[in-house]
C-alpha atoms as a PDB file:
ATOM      1  CA  MET A   1     -17.312  18.024 -27.296  1.00  0.00           C
ATOM      2  CA  VAL A   2     -19.430  14.957 -27.813  1.00  0.00           C
ATOM      3  CA  ARG A   3     -21.436  14.058 -24.726  1.00  0.00           C
ATOM      4  CA  GLY A   4     -22.228  10.535 -25.980  1.00  0.00           C
ATOM      5  CA  ASP A   5     -19.652   8.973 -23.702  1.00  0.00           C
ATOM      6  CA  SER A   6     -19.208   5.331 -22.802  1.00  0.00           C
ATOM      7  CA  GLN A   7     -21.877   5.486 -20.085  1.00  0.00           C
ATOM      8  CA  SER A   8     -24.685   6.593 -22.407  1.00  0.00           C
ATOM      9  CA  GLY A   9     -24.334   3.684 -24.858  1.00  0.00           C
ATOM     10  CA  LEU A  10     -25.031   5.982 -27.808  1.00  0.00           C
ATOM     11  CA  TYR A  11     -22.215   4.318 -29.731  1.00  0.00           C
ATOM     12  CA  ARG A  12     -24.190   1.025 -29.639  1.00  0.00           C
ATOM     13  CA  GLU A  13     -27.244   2.709 -31.130  1.00  0.00           C
ATOM     14  CA  LEU A  14     -24.971   3.849 -33.956  1.00  0.00           C
ATOM     15  CA  GLY A  15     -23.808   0.275 -34.562  1.00  0.00           C
ATOM     16  CA  TYR A  16     -20.432   0.261 -32.811  1.00  0.00           C
ATOM     17  CA  SER A  17     -19.266  -2.309 -30.299  1.00  0.00           C
ATOM     18  CA  SER A  18     -17.385   0.219 -28.153  1.00  0.00           C
ATOM     19  CA  ILE A  19     -16.834   3.917 -27.688  1.00  0.00           C
ATOM     20  CA  HIS A  20     -13.268   3.364 -28.907  1.00  0.00           C
ATOM     21  CA  ALA A  21     -14.493   1.797 -32.155  1.00  0.00           C
ATOM     22  CA  TYR A  22     -16.892   4.702 -32.679  1.00  0.00           C
ATOM     23  CA  ALA A  23     -14.229   7.330 -31.980  1.00  0.00           C
ATOM     24  CA  ALA A  24     -11.698   5.651 -34.273  1.00  0.00           C
ATOM     25  CA  GLU A  25     -14.109   5.218 -37.180  1.00  0.00           C
ATOM     26  CA  GLU A  26     -16.182   8.394 -36.980  1.00  0.00           C
ATOM     27  CA  LEU A  27     -13.745  10.859 -35.438  1.00  0.00           C
ATOM     28  CA  GLY A  28     -10.356   9.433 -36.406  1.00  0.00           C
ATOM     29  CA  PHE A  29      -9.300   9.317 -32.759  1.00  0.00           C
ATOM     30  CA  SER A  30      -6.537   7.092 -31.462  1.00  0.00           C
ATOM     31  CA  ARG A  31      -7.274   4.916 -28.457  1.00  0.00           C
ATOM     32  CA  ALA A  32      -5.244   7.294 -26.260  1.00  0.00           C
ATOM     33  CA  ARG A  33      -7.089  10.385 -27.490  1.00  0.00           C
ATOM     34  CA  THR A  34     -10.429   8.665 -26.842  1.00  0.00           C
ATOM     35  CA  PHE A  35      -9.283   7.801 -23.321  1.00  0.00           C
ATOM     36  CA  TYR A  36      -8.345  11.445 -22.640  1.00  0.00           C
ATOM     37  CA  PHE A  37     -11.718  12.679 -23.930  1.00  0.00           C
ATOM     38  CA  LEU A  38     -13.623  10.191 -21.787  1.00  0.00           C
ATOM     39  CA  LYS A  39     -11.610  11.093 -18.719  1.00  0.00           C
ATOM     40  CA  LEU A  40     -12.190  14.778 -19.410  1.00  0.00           C
ATOM     41  CA  CYS A  41     -15.947  14.219 -19.821  1.00  0.00           C
ATOM     42  CA  ARG A  42     -16.121  12.550 -16.406  1.00  0.00           C
ATOM     43  CA  SER A  43     -14.140  15.403 -14.825  1.00  0.00           C
ATOM     44  CA  LEU A  44     -16.338  18.075 -16.397  1.00  0.00           C
ATOM     45  CA  ASP A  45     -19.352  16.767 -14.488  1.00  0.00           C
ATOM     46  CA  ALA A  46     -17.738  18.056 -11.275  1.00  0.00           C
ATOM     47  CA  LEU A  47     -16.130  21.191 -12.756  1.00  0.00           C
ATOM     48  CA  PRO A  48     -18.847  23.428 -14.217  1.00  0.00           C
ATOM     49  CA  VAL A  49     -16.618  26.437 -14.976  1.00  0.00           C
ATOM     50  CA  LEU A  50     -14.147  24.231 -16.828  1.00  0.00           C
ATOM     51  CA  ARG A  51     -17.040  22.575 -18.679  1.00  0.00           C
ATOM     52  CA  GLU A  52     -18.263  25.989 -19.863  1.00  0.00           C
ATOM     53  CA  SER A  53     -14.738  27.046 -20.865  1.00  0.00           C
ATOM     54  CA  VAL A  54     -14.373  23.964 -23.050  1.00  0.00           C
ATOM     55  CA  ALA A  55     -17.899  24.224 -24.486  1.00  0.00           C
ATOM     56  CA  SER A  56     -17.424  27.895 -25.399  1.00  0.00           C
ATOM     57  CA  GLY A  57     -14.022  27.276 -26.955  1.00  0.00           C
ATOM     58  CA  ALA A  58     -12.272  29.518 -24.426  1.00  0.00           C
ATOM     59  CA  LEU A  59     -10.019  26.608 -23.435  1.00  0.00           C
ATOM     60  CA  PRO A  60      -8.865  23.796 -25.738  1.00  0.00           C
ATOM     61  CA  TRP A  61      -9.438  20.239 -24.608  1.00  0.00           C
ATOM     62  CA  THR A  62      -5.692  19.552 -24.354  1.00  0.00           C
ATOM     63  CA  LYS A  63      -5.347  22.205 -21.649  1.00  0.00           C
ATOM     64  CA  ALA A  64      -8.645  21.223 -20.040  1.00  0.00           C
ATOM     65  CA  VAL A  65      -7.298  17.704 -19.504  1.00  0.00           C
ATOM     66  CA  GLU A  66      -4.397  19.162 -17.520  1.00  0.00           C
ATOM     67  CA  VAL A  67      -6.611  21.515 -15.499  1.00  0.00           C
ATOM     68  CA  ALA A  68      -8.967  18.646 -14.666  1.00  0.00           C
ATOM     69  CA  ARG A  69      -6.048  16.723 -13.135  1.00  0.00           C
ATOM     70  CA  VAL A  70      -5.677  19.267 -10.302  1.00  0.00           C
ATOM     71  CA  ALA A  71      -8.658  21.619 -10.133  1.00  0.00           C
ATOM     72  CA  THR A  72     -11.521  21.453  -7.674  1.00  0.00           C
ATOM     73  CA  PRO A  73     -14.812  23.348  -7.972  1.00  0.00           C
ATOM     74  CA  LYS A  74     -13.294  26.018  -5.672  1.00  0.00           C
ATOM     75  CA  THR A  75     -10.096  26.420  -7.702  1.00  0.00           C
ATOM     76  CA  GLU A  76     -11.042  25.725 -11.289  1.00  0.00           C
ATOM     77  CA  SER A  77     -11.303  29.426 -12.209  1.00  0.00           C
ATOM     78  CA  VAL A  78      -7.723  30.051 -11.094  1.00  0.00           C
ATOM     79  CA  TRP A  79      -6.451  27.022 -12.986  1.00  0.00           C
ATOM     80  CA  ILE A  80      -8.390  28.059 -16.105  1.00  0.00           C
ATOM     81  CA  ALA A  81      -6.819  31.528 -15.942  1.00  0.00           C
ATOM     82  CA  GLU A  82      -3.396  29.906 -15.581  1.00  0.00           C
ATOM     83  CA  ALA A  83      -4.109  27.664 -18.571  1.00  0.00           C
ATOM     84  CA  GLN A  84      -5.105  30.661 -20.672  1.00  0.00           C
ATOM     85  CA  ARG A  85      -1.879  32.497 -19.730  1.00  0.00           C
ATOM     86  CA  THR A  86       0.501  29.629 -20.437  1.00  0.00           C
ATOM     87  CA  GLY A  87       1.244  27.174 -23.188  1.00  0.00           C
ATOM     88  CA  ARG A  88       0.118  23.564 -22.979  1.00  0.00           C
ATOM     89  CA  ARG A  89       3.578  22.193 -22.173  1.00  0.00           C
ATOM     90  CA  GLU A  90       4.219  24.762 -19.468  1.00  0.00           C
ATOM     91  CA  LEU A  91       0.796  24.043 -17.959  1.00  0.00           C
ATOM     92  CA  ALA A  92       1.467  20.295 -18.031  1.00  0.00           C
ATOM     93  CA  GLU A  93       4.786  20.877 -16.251  1.00  0.00           C
ATOM     94  CA  LYS A  94       3.116  22.991 -13.552  1.00  0.00           C
ATOM     95  CA  VAL A  95       0.407  20.394 -13.018  1.00  0.00           C
ATOM     96  CA  SER A  96       3.028  17.640 -12.775  1.00  0.00           C
ATOM     97  CA  ARG A  97       5.040  19.662 -10.248  1.00  0.00           C
ATOM     98  CA  VAL A  98       1.953  20.280  -8.124  1.00  0.00           C
ATOM     99  CA  LYS A  99       1.024  16.601  -8.163  1.00  0.00           C
ATOM    100  CA  ALA A 100       4.624  15.617  -7.349  1.00  0.00           C
ATOM    101  CA  ARG A 101       4.694  18.035  -4.391  1.00  0.00           C
ATOM    102  CA  ALA A 102       1.427  16.588  -3.141  1.00  0.00           C
ATOM    103  CA  ARG A 103       2.951  13.102  -3.252  1.00  0.00           C
ATOM    104  CA  VAL A 104       6.040  14.275  -1.334  1.00  0.00           C
ATOM    105  CA  VAL A 105       3.932  15.837   1.407  1.00  0.00           C
ATOM    106  CA  ARG A 106       1.679  12.789   1.611  1.00  0.00           C
ATOM    107  CA  GLN A 107       4.698  10.454   1.830  1.00  0.00           C
ATOM    108  CA  ALA A 108       6.179  12.573   4.621  1.00  0.00           C
ATOM    109  CA  ASP A 109       2.864  12.650   6.466  1.00  0.00           C
ATOM    110  CA  PRO A 110       0.251  10.085   5.334  1.00  0.00           C
ATOM    111  CA  THR A 111      -2.449  11.907   7.315  1.00  0.00           C
ATOM    112  CA  GLN A 112      -2.366  14.742   4.770  1.00  0.00           C
ATOM    113  CA  THR A 113      -5.519  14.745   2.675  1.00  0.00           C
ATOM    114  CA  GLY A 114      -4.935  17.799   0.522  1.00  0.00           C
ATOM    115  CA  LEU A 115      -2.795  20.766  -0.356  1.00  0.00           C
ATOM    116  CA  ALA A 116      -3.751  24.393  -0.741  1.00  0.00           C
ATOM    117  CA  LEU A 117      -1.596  26.670  -2.876  1.00  0.00           C
ATOM    118  CA  ALA A 118      -1.526  30.261  -1.703  1.00  0.00           C
ATOM    119  CA  GLY A 119      -0.964  33.281  -3.929  1.00  0.00           C
ATOM    120  CA  THR A 120      -1.442  33.575  -7.670  1.00  0.00           C
ATOM    121  CA  GLU A 121       1.917  34.125  -9.340  1.00  0.00           C
ATOM    122  CA  GLY A 122       5.617  33.678  -8.783  1.00  0.00           C
ATOM    123  CA  ALA A 123       7.069  31.297  -6.246  1.00  0.00           C
ATOM    124  CA  ASP A 124       3.923  30.490  -4.333  1.00  0.00           C
ATOM    125  CA  ALA A 125       3.815  28.709  -1.008  1.00  0.00           C
ATOM    126  CA  VAL A 126       2.164  25.337  -0.940  1.00  0.00           C
ATOM    127  CA  GLU A 127       0.666  24.797   2.471  1.00  0.00           C
ATOM    128  CA  ALA A 128      -0.276  21.294   3.510  1.00  0.00           C
ATOM    129  CA  ASP A 129      -3.261  20.726   5.762  1.00  0.00           C
ATOM    130  CA  GLY A 130      -0.905  20.457   8.718  1.00  0.00           C
ATOM    131  CA  GLY A 131       0.791  23.787   7.974  1.00  0.00           C
ATOM    132  CA  ALA A 132       4.013  22.606   6.264  1.00  0.00           C
ATOM    133  CA  SER A 133       5.055  24.935   3.421  1.00  0.00           C
ATOM    134  CA  ILE A 134       6.733  24.091   0.137  1.00  0.00           C
ATOM    135  CA  SER A 135       7.786  26.672  -2.458  1.00  0.00           C
ATOM    136  CA  LEU A 136       6.343  26.121  -5.921  1.00  0.00           C
ATOM    137  CA  ASP A 137       5.833  28.267  -9.010  1.00  0.00           C
ATOM    138  CA  VAL A 138       2.155  27.721  -9.832  1.00  0.00           C
ATOM    139  CA  ALA A 139      -1.216  29.433  -9.783  1.00  0.00           C
ATOM    140  CA  ALA A 140      -3.353  29.384  -6.649  1.00  0.00           C
ATOM    141  CA  ALA A 141      -5.275  26.180  -6.319  1.00  0.00           C
ATOM    142  CA  GLU A 142      -6.360  23.466  -3.964  1.00  0.00           C
ATOM    143  CA  ILE A 143      -5.278  19.966  -4.862  1.00  0.00           C
ATOM    144  CA  PRO A 144      -7.160  17.017  -3.416  1.00  0.00           C
ATOM    145  CA  VAL A 145      -4.695  14.288  -2.542  1.00  0.00           C
ATOM    146  CA  PRO A 146      -6.319  10.865  -2.827  1.00  0.00           C
END
């Protein structure tokens, strides 16, 4: 993964007006793909295990993008293991379900600031900070709810 992201300005030194222009010309990336890479790069700063998994090739960037949407430094190992066990589409569906459940809990109780998923396989219980449980089929993880 290229670390010369939009914050470093390396693309300017190479004669490009933007990181998107550089990525399109030099890497053949679409604007959307460049966006996903940049977002992933920012997430990897806070997720060292995920960063190493991507750098070593143990996890492809497409799955890393999904993991970065829900993982925290405490839960990234569990999410990485889940990503390695499942296909990209299945992982994306699990991540979307987790995020949707977090929204439901937060809408029901706006004081909720996060969700913790208990267990590792099967129909796991999602426990909100206040103790409410929701059944969900995902790997163990903690999801920060903004």
